[in-house]
Amino acid sequence: MKTVTLISKEHCHLCDVAKDVLLKTRKKISFDFKEIKILPGSQEFEGYHERIPVILIDEEFAFQYKVSEKQLLDRLAD
């Protein structure tokens, strides 16, 4: 089973939208879901804070900023 990871931070509207798409898509196709909330000062924050939300599939970069349900379904089908 594939794992989809959402890298997000607090008070991020795009992160909330991306999470909603992921959870909605999860009702159609099964995958493990993880969310990593980055915090100021962490190593992840330095690498991602201007790029979030970032979505990884099996720890590989898949999407940045936006994702549609169709795009995610297509990537998970590969």
C-alpha atoms as a PDB file:
ATOM      1  CA  MET A   1       0.000   0.000   0.000  1.00  0.00           C
ATOM      2  CA  LYS A   2       1.278   3.445  -0.892  1.00  0.00           C
ATOM      3  CA  THR A   3       1.941   6.141   1.679  1.00  0.00           C
ATOM      4  CA  VAL A   4       0.975   9.738   1.011  1.00  0.00           C
ATOM      5  CA  THR A   5       2.651  12.335   3.221  1.00  0.00           C
ATOM      6  CA  LEU A   6       1.482  15.926   3.525  1.00  0.00           C
ATOM      7  CA  ILE A   7       4.105  18.398   4.700  1.00  0.00           C
ATOM      8  CA  SER A   8       2.276  21.382   6.152  1.00  0.00           C
ATOM      9  CA  LYS A   9       2.431  24.094   8.794  1.00  0.00           C
ATOM     10  CA  GLU A  10       0.004  25.867  11.101  1.00  0.00           C
ATOM     11  CA  HIS A  11      -2.228  28.632   9.731  1.00  0.00           C
ATOM     12  CA  CYS A  12      -1.786  27.563   6.094  1.00  0.00           C
ATOM     13  CA  HIS A  13      -4.932  27.727   3.974  1.00  0.00           C
ATOM     14  CA  LEU A  14      -3.359  25.853   1.049  1.00  0.00           C
ATOM     15  CA  CYS A  15      -2.352  23.095   3.476  1.00  0.00           C
ATOM     16  CA  ASP A  16      -5.942  22.770   4.689  1.00  0.00           C
ATOM     17  CA  VAL A  17      -7.205  22.555   1.096  1.00  0.00           C
ATOM     18  CA  ALA A  18      -4.594  19.932   0.174  1.00  0.00           C
ATOM     19  CA  LYS A  19      -5.448  17.855   3.255  1.00  0.00           C
ATOM     20  CA  ASP A  20      -9.145  17.954   2.344  1.00  0.00           C
ATOM     21  CA  VAL A  21      -8.325  16.679  -1.169  1.00  0.00           C
ATOM     22  CA  LEU A  22      -6.169  13.881   0.256  1.00  0.00           C
ATOM     23  CA  LEU A  23      -8.796  12.746   2.734  1.00  0.00           C
ATOM     24  CA  LYS A  24     -11.558  12.892   0.104  1.00  0.00           C
ATOM     25  CA  THR A  25      -9.446  10.870  -2.331  1.00  0.00           C
ATOM     26  CA  ARG A  26      -8.657   8.345   0.393  1.00  0.00           C
ATOM     27  CA  LYS A  27     -12.343   7.424   0.443  1.00  0.00           C
ATOM     28  CA  LYS A  28     -12.002   6.288  -3.199  1.00  0.00           C
ATOM     29  CA  ILE A  29      -8.623   4.557  -3.100  1.00  0.00           C
ATOM     30  CA  SER A  30      -6.847   3.164  -0.078  1.00  0.00           C
ATOM     31  CA  PHE A  31      -3.488   4.598   1.000  1.00  0.00           C
ATOM     32  CA  ASP A  32      -1.669   5.312   4.236  1.00  0.00           C
ATOM     33  CA  PHE A  33      -1.783   8.992   5.164  1.00  0.00           C
ATOM     34  CA  LYS A  34       0.760  10.888   7.225  1.00  0.00           C
ATOM     35  CA  GLU A  35       0.948  14.580   7.985  1.00  0.00           C
ATOM     36  CA  ILE A  36       4.143  16.300   9.046  1.00  0.00           C
ATOM     37  CA  LYS A  37       3.654  19.790  10.453  1.00  0.00           C
ATOM     38  CA  ILE A  38       6.892  21.701  10.207  1.00  0.00           C
ATOM     39  CA  LEU A  39       7.856  24.147  12.919  1.00  0.00           C
ATOM     40  CA  PRO A  40      10.055  27.256  12.724  1.00  0.00           C
ATOM     41  CA  GLY A  41      13.641  26.408  13.558  1.00  0.00           C
ATOM     42  CA  SER A  42      13.425  22.772  12.471  1.00  0.00           C
ATOM     43  CA  GLN A  43      15.512  21.402   9.614  1.00  0.00           C
ATOM     44  CA  GLU A  44      12.342  20.583   7.670  1.00  0.00           C
ATOM     45  CA  PHE A  45      11.100  24.155   8.064  1.00  0.00           C
ATOM     46  CA  GLU A  46      14.225  25.534   6.427  1.00  0.00           C
ATOM     47  CA  GLY A  47      13.797  23.206   3.463  1.00  0.00           C
ATOM     48  CA  TYR A  48      10.055  23.447   2.967  1.00  0.00           C
ATOM     49  CA  HIS A  49       8.557  26.589   4.535  1.00  0.00           C
ATOM     50  CA  GLU A  50       8.235  28.503   1.254  1.00  0.00           C
ATOM     51  CA  ARG A  51       7.124  25.452  -0.743  1.00  0.00           C
ATOM     52  CA  ILE A  52       4.289  24.038   1.334  1.00  0.00           C
ATOM     53  CA  PRO A  53       2.094  22.246   1.093  1.00  0.00           C
ATOM     54  CA  VAL A  54       4.280  19.508  -0.322  1.00  0.00           C
ATOM     55  CA  ILE A  55       2.892  16.048  -0.990  1.00  0.00           C
ATOM     56  CA  LEU A  56       5.093  12.975  -1.123  1.00  0.00           C
ATOM     57  CA  ILE A  57       4.090   9.549  -2.384  1.00  0.00           C
ATOM     58  CA  ASP A  58       6.203   6.794  -0.863  1.00  0.00           C
ATOM     59  CA  GLU A  59       8.666   9.484   0.263  1.00  0.00           C
ATOM     60  CA  GLU A  60       9.132  10.851  -3.268  1.00  0.00           C
ATOM     61  CA  PHE A  61       8.075  14.365  -4.262  1.00  0.00           C
ATOM     62  CA  ALA A  62       4.709  14.366  -6.045  1.00  0.00           C
ATOM     63  CA  PHE A  63       3.025  17.787  -5.697  1.00  0.00           C
ATOM     64  CA  GLN A  64       3.640  21.288  -4.415  1.00  0.00           C
ATOM     65  CA  TYR A  65       1.108  24.020  -3.540  1.00  0.00           C
ATOM     66  CA  LYS A  66      -1.954  22.379  -5.157  1.00  0.00           C
ATOM     67  CA  VAL A  67      -3.276  18.943  -5.999  1.00  0.00           C
ATOM     68  CA  SER A  68      -6.551  17.838  -7.513  1.00  0.00           C
ATOM     69  CA  GLU A  69      -8.321  14.616  -6.754  1.00  0.00           C
ATOM     70  CA  LYS A  70      -7.833  13.482 -10.366  1.00  0.00           C
ATOM     71  CA  GLN A  71      -4.086  14.238 -10.284  1.00  0.00           C
ATOM     72  CA  LEU A  72      -3.695  12.285  -7.070  1.00  0.00           C
ATOM     73  CA  LEU A  73      -5.727   9.332  -8.331  1.00  0.00           C
ATOM     74  CA  ASP A  74      -3.623   9.244 -11.512  1.00  0.00           C
ATOM     75  CA  ARG A  75      -0.352   9.253  -9.544  1.00  0.00           C
ATOM     76  CA  LEU A  76      -1.547   6.580  -7.145  1.00  0.00           C
ATOM     77  CA  ALA A  77      -2.621   4.361 -10.059  1.00  0.00           C
ATOM     78  CA  ASP A  78       0.905   4.339 -11.525  1.00  0.00           C
END
